[in-house]
Amino acid sequence: MEVLARLEHQGVNVDGDLAAFYPYDPVVMWMGLSREAFDVLARLVAEPEVEVHPTPPMTYLIDGRMLTLPDAKVDSVNKRYPYKKERWLPIVFNKPSR
């Protein structure tokens, strides 16, 4: 995830034991986060000048960061399907198009 790579470049330890869920638990945005990395992701999700979009897992593979969870299906997430176990929804952050 590019956000985590940027934090690491700034000397921030991003590794920890926290998970960020989006848009609801148990749909995982990312896991294995430090408190500081978790807080940055939470602020990005809450920021009106940032849009969150699903992306293919290949985006993360290219960055060398993948989760081993089963993928969440975008249609199921949009319908708030009640997954019983954690699923990964790969996402990207973008500026809103105007």
Protein backbone atom coordinates (compact mmCIF):
# COMPACT_ATOMS: atom_id res chain seq x y z
CA MET A 1 0.00 0.00 0.00
CA GLU A 2 1.58 3.25 -1.12
CA VAL A 3 0.37 5.14 1.97
CA LEU A 4 2.26 2.73 4.22
CA ALA A 5 5.37 2.94 2.03
CA ARG A 6 5.32 6.73 2.36
CA LEU A 7 4.98 6.49 6.13
CA GLU A 8 7.89 4.05 6.29
CA HIS A 9 9.96 6.41 4.14
CA GLN A 10 9.30 9.09 6.78
CA GLY A 11 10.61 6.76 9.49
CA VAL A 12 7.22 5.67 10.84
CA ASN A 13 6.93 2.06 12.02
CA VAL A 14 3.80 0.81 10.25
CA ASP A 15 3.85 -2.77 11.57
CA GLY A 16 1.64 -3.70 14.50
CA ASP A 17 -1.36 -5.76 15.48
CA LEU A 18 -4.28 -3.50 14.50
CA ALA A 19 -6.73 -4.03 11.65
CA ALA A 20 -8.61 -1.32 9.76
CA PHE A 21 -12.08 -2.30 8.61
CA TYR A 22 -13.83 -0.58 5.71
CA PRO A 23 -16.68 0.02 5.17
CA TYR A 24 -17.77 -2.31 8.00
CA ASP A 25 -16.44 -5.14 10.16
CA PRO A 26 -15.38 -7.85 9.07
CA VAL A 27 -14.37 -6.30 5.71
CA VAL A 28 -10.66 -5.54 6.11
CA MET A 29 -8.96 -2.58 4.46
CA TRP A 30 -5.58 -3.59 5.94
CA MET A 31 -4.21 -5.46 8.92
CA GLY A 32 -0.95 -5.68 10.82
CA LEU A 33 -0.92 -1.92 11.44
CA SER A 34 0.76 0.17 14.10
CA ARG A 35 -1.41 2.70 15.95
CA GLU A 36 0.12 5.56 13.94
CA ALA A 37 -0.49 3.84 10.58
CA PHE A 38 -4.05 2.95 11.65
CA ASP A 39 -4.74 6.58 12.60
CA VAL A 40 -3.47 7.83 9.23
CA LEU A 41 -5.75 5.41 7.35
CA ALA A 42 -8.71 6.38 9.55
CA ARG A 43 -8.11 10.08 8.82
CA LEU A 44 -7.90 9.40 5.08
CA VAL A 45 -11.20 7.51 5.09
CA ALA A 46 -12.87 10.37 7.00
CA GLU A 47 -11.38 13.12 4.81
CA PRO A 48 -13.97 14.62 2.42
CA GLU A 49 -11.22 15.51 -0.05
CA VAL A 50 -10.33 11.81 -0.43
CA GLU A 51 -12.40 9.13 -2.14
CA VAL A 52 -12.05 5.43 -1.34
CA HIS A 53 -12.40 3.03 -4.28
CA PRO A 54 -12.09 -0.75 -4.55
CA THR A 55 -9.15 -1.92 -6.65
CA PRO A 56 -7.99 -5.29 -7.99
CA PRO A 57 -5.63 -7.20 -5.65
CA MET A 58 -2.99 -6.94 -8.41
CA THR A 59 -2.51 -3.29 -7.37
CA TYR A 60 -1.20 -4.51 -4.03
CA LEU A 61 0.81 -7.34 -5.55
CA ILE A 62 2.72 -4.76 -7.61
CA ASP A 63 3.55 -2.88 -4.38
CA GLY A 64 4.62 -6.14 -2.75
CA ARG A 65 1.92 -6.06 -0.09
CA MET A 66 -0.87 -8.63 -0.08
CA LEU A 67 -3.21 -10.01 2.54
CA THR A 68 -3.90 -13.73 2.66
CA LEU A 69 -7.60 -13.29 3.44
CA PRO A 70 -10.30 -14.26 0.95
CA ASP A 71 -11.41 -11.29 -1.14
CA ALA A 72 -14.64 -9.47 -0.35
CA LYS A 73 -16.85 -9.04 -3.40
CA VAL A 74 -17.61 -5.38 -4.18
CA ASP A 75 -21.28 -6.13 -4.93
CA SER A 76 -21.63 -7.97 -1.62
CA VAL A 77 -19.96 -5.13 0.28
CA ASN A 78 -22.24 -2.57 -1.38
CA LYS A 79 -25.24 -4.63 -0.22
CA ARG A 80 -23.66 -4.94 3.26
CA TYR A 81 -23.53 -8.73 3.00
CA PRO A 82 -22.95 -10.09 6.52
CA TYR A 83 -19.66 -11.93 6.06
CA LYS A 84 -19.04 -14.30 8.97
CA LYS A 85 -15.24 -14.19 8.67
CA GLU A 86 -12.81 -11.46 7.73
CA ARG A 87 -12.56 -10.65 4.02
CA TRP A 88 -10.16 -8.30 2.28
CA LEU A 89 -11.41 -5.39 0.20
CA PRO A 90 -8.37 -3.91 -1.60
CA ILE A 91 -8.86 -0.16 -1.87
CA VAL A 92 -7.12 2.92 -3.22
CA PHE A 93 -7.41 6.54 -2.15
CA ASN A 94 -8.08 9.16 -4.85
CA LYS A 95 -8.83 12.85 -5.02
CA PRO A 96 -12.47 13.47 -5.97
CA SER A 97 -12.98 14.09 -9.67
CA ARG A 98 -14.55 17.45 -10.37
